[in-house]
Amino acid sequence: FFFQAEDGIRDYKVTGVQTCALPISFIRKDFSGNLLETGNFKAGRPDGAWTNYYNNGSVSGTGHYLNGKKDGIWSIFNANGSLAYSVIYQDGVRASATQFDERGNTLAETKTKE
């Protein structure tokens, strides 16, 4: 099982998780050792809470996978920690998204799934 990072920094080979029913912790770092992503795999797929990080260690995003698909609320943060986007996924499909300015005011809202 190979997991390709969306940012293309590196490929990850995760072995022995295809048949494991228990969650396996996943930690991704860049070549300098900076934490970039944490989460879990279950039965070879992302499952449960995931957190992404900026190179300085602050949180850039949080969300949840269910059976390998994005599910529920995903929050994307600006480098200063303010909420930039809130995206709702249903069964891996983006259902709606809200964009915020750095003061928390709504800039735009979209609904993509009925």
N, C-alpha and C. Protein backbone atom coordinates (compact mmCIF):
# COMPACT_ATOMS: atom_id res chain seq x y z
N PHE A 1 0.85 -1.18 0.00
CA PHE A 1 0.00 0.00 0.00
C PHE A 1 0.89 1.23 0.00
N PHE A 2 0.67 2.10 -0.96
CA PHE A 2 1.42 3.35 -1.02
C PHE A 2 0.47 4.51 -0.78
N PHE A 3 0.92 5.48 -0.03
CA PHE A 3 0.15 6.68 0.24
C PHE A 3 0.90 7.85 -0.38
N GLN A 4 0.30 8.50 -1.37
CA GLN A 4 0.93 9.64 -2.02
C GLN A 4 0.48 10.92 -1.35
N ALA A 5 1.43 11.65 -0.81
CA ALA A 5 1.11 12.92 -0.17
C ALA A 5 0.63 13.91 -1.23
N GLU A 6 -0.41 14.68 -0.91
CA GLU A 6 -0.95 15.64 -1.85
C GLU A 6 0.06 16.71 -2.22
N ASP A 7 0.95 17.04 -1.31
CA ASP A 7 1.94 18.08 -1.60
C ASP A 7 3.13 17.54 -2.37
N GLY A 8 3.16 16.23 -2.63
CA GLY A 8 4.20 15.63 -3.43
C GLY A 8 5.56 15.57 -2.77
N ILE A 9 5.65 15.82 -1.47
CA ILE A 9 6.95 15.80 -0.82
C ILE A 9 7.59 14.43 -0.87
N ARG A 10 6.83 13.40 -0.62
CA ARG A 10 7.35 12.04 -0.74
C ARG A 10 6.22 11.04 -0.75
N ASP A 11 6.56 9.85 -1.24
CA ASP A 11 5.63 8.73 -1.19
C ASP A 11 5.91 7.96 0.09
N TYR A 12 4.90 7.31 0.61
CA TYR A 12 5.05 6.54 1.82
C TYR A 12 4.58 5.13 1.57
N LYS A 13 5.37 4.19 1.95
CA LYS A 13 4.96 2.80 1.86
C LYS A 13 4.53 2.37 3.25
N VAL A 14 3.30 1.99 3.38
CA VAL A 14 2.76 1.53 4.65
C VAL A 14 2.47 0.05 4.47
N THR A 15 3.20 -0.79 5.17
CA THR A 15 3.05 -2.22 4.98
C THR A 15 2.32 -2.86 6.15
N GLY A 16 1.64 -3.94 5.89
CA GLY A 16 0.99 -4.70 6.94
C GLY A 16 -0.28 -4.11 7.48
N VAL A 17 -0.81 -3.07 6.84
CA VAL A 17 -2.03 -2.46 7.38
C VAL A 17 -3.28 -2.85 6.59
N GLN A 18 -3.11 -3.52 5.46
CA GLN A 18 -4.27 -3.84 4.63
C GLN A 18 -5.28 -4.71 5.37
N THR A 19 -4.80 -5.61 6.21
CA THR A 19 -5.72 -6.52 6.89
C THR A 19 -5.85 -6.24 8.38
N CYS A 20 -5.15 -5.25 8.87
CA CYS A 20 -5.19 -4.93 10.30
C CYS A 20 -6.45 -4.13 10.60
N ALA A 21 -7.28 -4.64 11.51
CA ALA A 21 -8.54 -3.96 11.86
C ALA A 21 -8.31 -2.83 12.85
N LEU A 22 -7.18 -2.82 13.54
CA LEU A 22 -6.91 -1.78 14.53
C LEU A 22 -6.29 -0.56 13.86
N PRO A 23 -6.58 0.64 14.35
CA PRO A 23 -5.95 1.84 13.79
C PRO A 23 -4.44 1.82 14.00
N ILE A 24 -3.72 2.29 13.01
CA ILE A 24 -2.27 2.42 13.09
C ILE A 24 -1.94 3.89 12.95
N SER A 25 -1.19 4.44 13.90
CA SER A 25 -0.84 5.85 13.87
C SER A 25 0.08 6.16 12.70
N PHE A 26 -0.12 7.33 12.11
CA PHE A 26 0.65 7.80 10.97
C PHE A 26 1.21 9.17 11.30
N ILE A 27 2.50 9.34 11.12
CA ILE A 27 3.14 10.64 11.34
C ILE A 27 3.99 10.93 10.11
N ARG A 28 3.78 12.09 9.50
CA ARG A 28 4.56 12.47 8.32
C ARG A 28 5.38 13.70 8.65
N LYS A 29 6.67 13.64 8.31
CA LYS A 29 7.58 14.76 8.52
C LYS A 29 8.28 15.08 7.21
N ASP A 30 8.78 16.31 7.09
CA ASP A 30 9.56 16.64 5.91
C ASP A 30 10.99 16.15 6.12
N PHE A 31 11.85 16.38 5.16
CA PHE A 31 13.21 15.87 5.23
C PHE A 31 14.02 16.51 6.35
N SER A 32 13.57 17.65 6.87
CA SER A 32 14.25 18.31 7.98
C SER A 32 13.72 17.86 9.33
N GLY A 33 12.70 17.02 9.34
CA GLY A 33 12.13 16.53 10.58
C GLY A 33 10.95 17.31 11.10
N ASN A 34 10.50 18.33 10.34
CA ASN A 34 9.34 19.11 10.76
C ASN A 34 8.06 18.28 10.59
N LEU A 35 7.22 18.28 11.60
CA LEU A 35 5.96 17.57 11.56
C LEU A 35 5.03 18.21 10.53
N LEU A 36 4.49 17.39 9.61
CA LEU A 36 3.58 17.89 8.59
C LEU A 36 2.17 17.35 8.72
N GLU A 37 2.03 16.11 9.24
CA GLU A 37 0.71 15.48 9.24
C GLU A 37 0.68 14.34 10.25
N THR A 38 -0.45 14.19 10.93
CA THR A 38 -0.68 13.05 11.81
C THR A 38 -2.07 12.50 11.56
N GLY A 39 -2.22 11.21 11.73
CA GLY A 39 -3.53 10.59 11.55
C GLY A 39 -3.44 9.11 11.83
N ASN A 40 -4.41 8.38 11.34
CA ASN A 40 -4.47 6.93 11.53
C ASN A 40 -4.88 6.25 10.24
N PHE A 41 -4.39 5.03 10.09
CA PHE A 41 -4.85 4.14 9.03
C PHE A 41 -5.58 2.98 9.68
N LYS A 42 -6.63 2.53 9.02
CA LYS A 42 -7.36 1.35 9.46
C LYS A 42 -7.69 0.55 8.21
N ALA A 43 -7.31 -0.70 8.20
CA ALA A 43 -7.52 -1.57 7.04
C ALA A 43 -6.94 -0.95 5.77
N GLY A 44 -5.78 -0.29 5.90
CA GLY A 44 -5.08 0.26 4.75
C GLY A 44 -5.57 1.59 4.24
N ARG A 45 -6.53 2.22 4.94
CA ARG A 45 -7.08 3.50 4.49
C ARG A 45 -7.03 4.52 5.62
N PRO A 46 -6.91 5.82 5.28
CA PRO A 46 -7.00 6.83 6.32
C PRO A 46 -8.33 6.70 7.05
N ASP A 47 -8.31 6.81 8.39
CA ASP A 47 -9.53 6.66 9.17
C ASP A 47 -9.36 7.40 10.49
N GLY A 48 -10.32 8.22 10.84
CA GLY A 48 -10.27 8.96 12.10
C GLY A 48 -9.74 10.37 11.91
N ALA A 49 -9.36 10.98 13.01
CA ALA A 49 -8.92 12.38 13.01
C ALA A 49 -7.56 12.53 12.34
N TRP A 50 -7.42 13.62 11.57
CA TRP A 50 -6.16 13.97 10.92
C TRP A 50 -5.86 15.42 11.20
N THR A 51 -4.56 15.72 11.33
CA THR A 51 -4.13 17.09 11.55
C THR A 51 -2.94 17.37 10.64
N ASN A 52 -2.96 18.51 9.97
CA ASN A 52 -1.85 18.97 9.13
C ASN A 52 -1.21 20.17 9.80
N TYR A 53 0.10 20.35 9.54
CA TYR A 53 0.87 21.39 10.20
C TYR A 53 1.67 22.22 9.21
N TYR A 54 1.84 23.50 9.54
CA TYR A 54 2.79 24.34 8.83
C TYR A 54 4.20 23.93 9.27
N ASN A 55 5.21 24.34 8.50
CA ASN A 55 6.59 23.99 8.84
C ASN A 55 7.02 24.50 10.21
N ASN A 56 6.36 25.55 10.71
CA ASN A 56 6.71 26.10 12.02
C ASN A 56 6.04 25.35 13.17
N GLY A 57 5.24 24.32 12.84
CA GLY A 57 4.59 23.51 13.87
C GLY A 57 3.17 23.91 14.19
N SER A 58 2.70 25.06 13.71
CA SER A 58 1.31 25.45 13.99
C SER A 58 0.37 24.64 13.09
N VAL A 59 -0.86 24.46 13.55
CA VAL A 59 -1.84 23.63 12.83
C VAL A 59 -2.33 24.38 11.59
N SER A 60 -2.27 23.69 10.44
CA SER A 60 -2.79 24.27 9.20
C SER A 60 -4.16 23.72 8.85
N GLY A 61 -4.51 22.55 9.40
CA GLY A 61 -5.82 21.99 9.10
C GLY A 61 -6.15 20.79 9.97
N THR A 62 -7.43 20.58 10.16
CA THR A 62 -7.90 19.42 10.92
C THR A 62 -9.12 18.84 10.20
N GLY A 63 -9.30 17.55 10.33
CA GLY A 63 -10.45 16.92 9.71
C GLY A 63 -10.56 15.47 10.12
N HIS A 64 -11.45 14.77 9.45
CA HIS A 64 -11.75 13.39 9.80
C HIS A 64 -11.94 12.56 8.54
N TYR A 65 -11.37 11.36 8.55
CA TYR A 65 -11.60 10.39 7.48
C TYR A 65 -12.49 9.28 8.02
N LEU A 66 -13.34 8.75 7.16
CA LEU A 66 -14.15 7.60 7.48
C LEU A 66 -14.00 6.61 6.33
N ASN A 67 -13.39 5.47 6.62
CA ASN A 67 -13.16 4.44 5.60
C ASN A 67 -12.44 4.99 4.38
N GLY A 68 -11.43 5.84 4.60
CA GLY A 68 -10.61 6.36 3.51
C GLY A 68 -11.16 7.58 2.80
N LYS A 69 -12.32 8.09 3.22
CA LYS A 69 -12.91 9.25 2.59
C LYS A 69 -13.06 10.38 3.60
N LYS A 70 -12.83 11.61 3.13
CA LYS A 70 -13.05 12.76 4.00
C LYS A 70 -14.51 12.78 4.42
N ASP A 71 -14.75 13.09 5.70
CA ASP A 71 -16.11 13.06 6.22
C ASP A 71 -16.25 14.10 7.33
N GLY A 72 -17.33 14.84 7.31
CA GLY A 72 -17.58 15.83 8.35
C GLY A 72 -16.86 17.14 8.08
N ILE A 73 -16.59 17.88 9.14
CA ILE A 73 -16.03 19.23 9.03
C ILE A 73 -14.50 19.16 8.95
N TRP A 74 -13.95 19.81 7.94
CA TRP A 74 -12.52 20.01 7.81
C TRP A 74 -12.27 21.50 7.97
N SER A 75 -11.35 21.86 8.83
CA SER A 75 -11.03 23.26 9.09
C SER A 75 -9.62 23.55 8.59
N ILE A 76 -9.49 24.64 7.84
CA ILE A 76 -8.20 25.06 7.29
C ILE A 76 -7.87 26.42 7.94
N PHE A 77 -6.66 26.52 8.48
CA PHE A 77 -6.28 27.71 9.23
C PHE A 77 -5.21 28.52 8.51
N ASN A 78 -5.26 29.84 8.69
CA ASN A 78 -4.19 30.72 8.22
C ASN A 78 -2.96 30.49 9.10
N ALA A 79 -1.82 30.98 8.63
CA ALA A 79 -0.58 30.83 9.39
C ALA A 79 -0.66 31.49 10.77
N ASN A 80 -1.54 32.51 10.91
CA ASN A 80 -1.68 33.18 12.21
C ASN A 80 -2.64 32.45 13.14
N GLY A 81 -3.21 31.32 12.68
CA GLY A 81 -4.11 30.53 13.51
C GLY A 81 -5.59 30.81 13.32
N SER A 82 -5.93 31.85 12.57
CA SER A 82 -7.35 32.14 12.34
C SER A 82 -7.91 31.18 11.30
N LEU A 83 -9.21 30.90 11.42
CA LEU A 83 -9.89 29.99 10.51
C LEU A 83 -10.02 30.63 9.13
N ALA A 84 -9.52 29.95 8.09
CA ALA A 84 -9.60 30.44 6.72
C ALA A 84 -10.78 29.82 5.98
N TYR A 85 -10.97 28.50 6.17
CA TYR A 85 -12.05 27.77 5.49
C TYR A 85 -12.63 26.74 6.43
N SER A 86 -13.90 26.49 6.27
CA SER A 86 -14.57 25.38 6.91
C SER A 86 -15.27 24.62 5.79
N VAL A 87 -14.89 23.37 5.62
CA VAL A 87 -15.43 22.57 4.51
C VAL A 87 -16.13 21.35 5.09
N ILE A 88 -17.32 21.07 4.61
CA ILE A 88 -18.07 19.90 5.07
C ILE A 88 -18.06 18.86 3.96
N TYR A 89 -17.62 17.65 4.31
CA TYR A 89 -17.60 16.52 3.37
C TYR A 89 -18.62 15.49 3.80
N GLN A 90 -19.25 14.88 2.81
CA GLN A 90 -20.18 13.76 3.04
C GLN A 90 -19.75 12.63 2.13
N ASP A 91 -19.28 11.55 2.74
CA ASP A 91 -18.85 10.37 1.99
C ASP A 91 -17.80 10.72 0.94
N GLY A 92 -16.86 11.59 1.30
CA GLY A 92 -15.76 11.94 0.42
C GLY A 92 -16.04 13.04 -0.58
N VAL A 93 -17.25 13.57 -0.59
CA VAL A 93 -17.64 14.61 -1.53
C VAL A 93 -17.85 15.92 -0.76
N ARG A 94 -17.26 17.00 -1.28
CA ARG A 94 -17.44 18.30 -0.63
C ARG A 94 -18.89 18.74 -0.78
N ALA A 95 -19.55 18.94 0.36
CA ALA A 95 -20.96 19.34 0.37
C ALA A 95 -21.12 20.85 0.46
N SER A 96 -20.23 21.49 1.21
CA SER A 96 -20.29 22.94 1.34
C SER A 96 -18.94 23.45 1.84
N ALA A 97 -18.73 24.73 1.62
CA ALA A 97 -17.50 25.37 2.09
C ALA A 97 -17.79 26.82 2.44
N THR A 98 -17.11 27.29 3.47
CA THR A 98 -17.22 28.69 3.88
C THR A 98 -15.82 29.26 4.01
N GLN A 99 -15.59 30.43 3.43
CA GLN A 99 -14.31 31.11 3.51
C GLN A 99 -14.44 32.29 4.46
N PHE A 100 -13.41 32.49 5.29
CA PHE A 100 -13.42 33.56 6.28
C PHE A 100 -12.22 34.48 6.08
N ASP A 101 -12.38 35.76 6.47
CA ASP A 101 -11.21 36.63 6.51
C ASP A 101 -10.50 36.42 7.84
N GLU A 102 -9.39 37.10 8.05
CA GLU A 102 -8.59 36.87 9.25
C GLU A 102 -9.26 37.35 10.53
N ARG A 103 -10.36 38.09 10.42
CA ARG A 103 -11.12 38.51 11.60
C ARG A 103 -12.31 37.61 11.87
N GLY A 104 -12.51 36.59 11.03
CA GLY A 104 -13.60 35.66 11.23
C GLY A 104 -14.87 35.99 10.49
N ASN A 105 -14.85 37.04 9.68
CA ASN A 105 -16.03 37.41 8.90
C ASN A 105 -16.16 36.49 7.69
N THR A 106 -17.38 36.10 7.36
CA THR A 106 -17.62 35.24 6.21
C THR A 106 -17.40 36.00 4.92
N LEU A 107 -16.56 35.44 4.04
CA LEU A 107 -16.30 36.04 2.74
C LEU A 107 -17.13 35.38 1.64
N ALA A 108 -17.27 34.06 1.72
CA ALA A 108 -18.01 33.34 0.68
C ALA A 108 -18.52 32.02 1.22
N GLU A 109 -19.65 31.58 0.69
CA GLU A 109 -20.21 30.28 1.05
C GLU A 109 -20.63 29.58 -0.22
N THR A 110 -20.35 28.28 -0.30
CA THR A 110 -20.77 27.49 -1.46
C THR A 110 -21.36 26.18 -0.98
N LYS A 111 -22.32 25.68 -1.74
CA LYS A 111 -22.89 24.36 -1.50
C LYS A 111 -22.72 23.60 -2.81
N THR A 112 -22.08 22.44 -2.72
CA THR A 112 -21.78 21.70 -3.94
C THR A 112 -22.50 20.37 -4.03
N LYS A 113 -23.23 20.00 -2.99
CA LYS A 113 -23.93 18.71 -3.01
C LYS A 113 -25.32 18.93 -2.44
N GLU A 114 -26.30 18.48 -3.16
CA GLU A 114 -27.69 18.59 -2.70
C GLU A 114 -28.06 17.36 -1.90
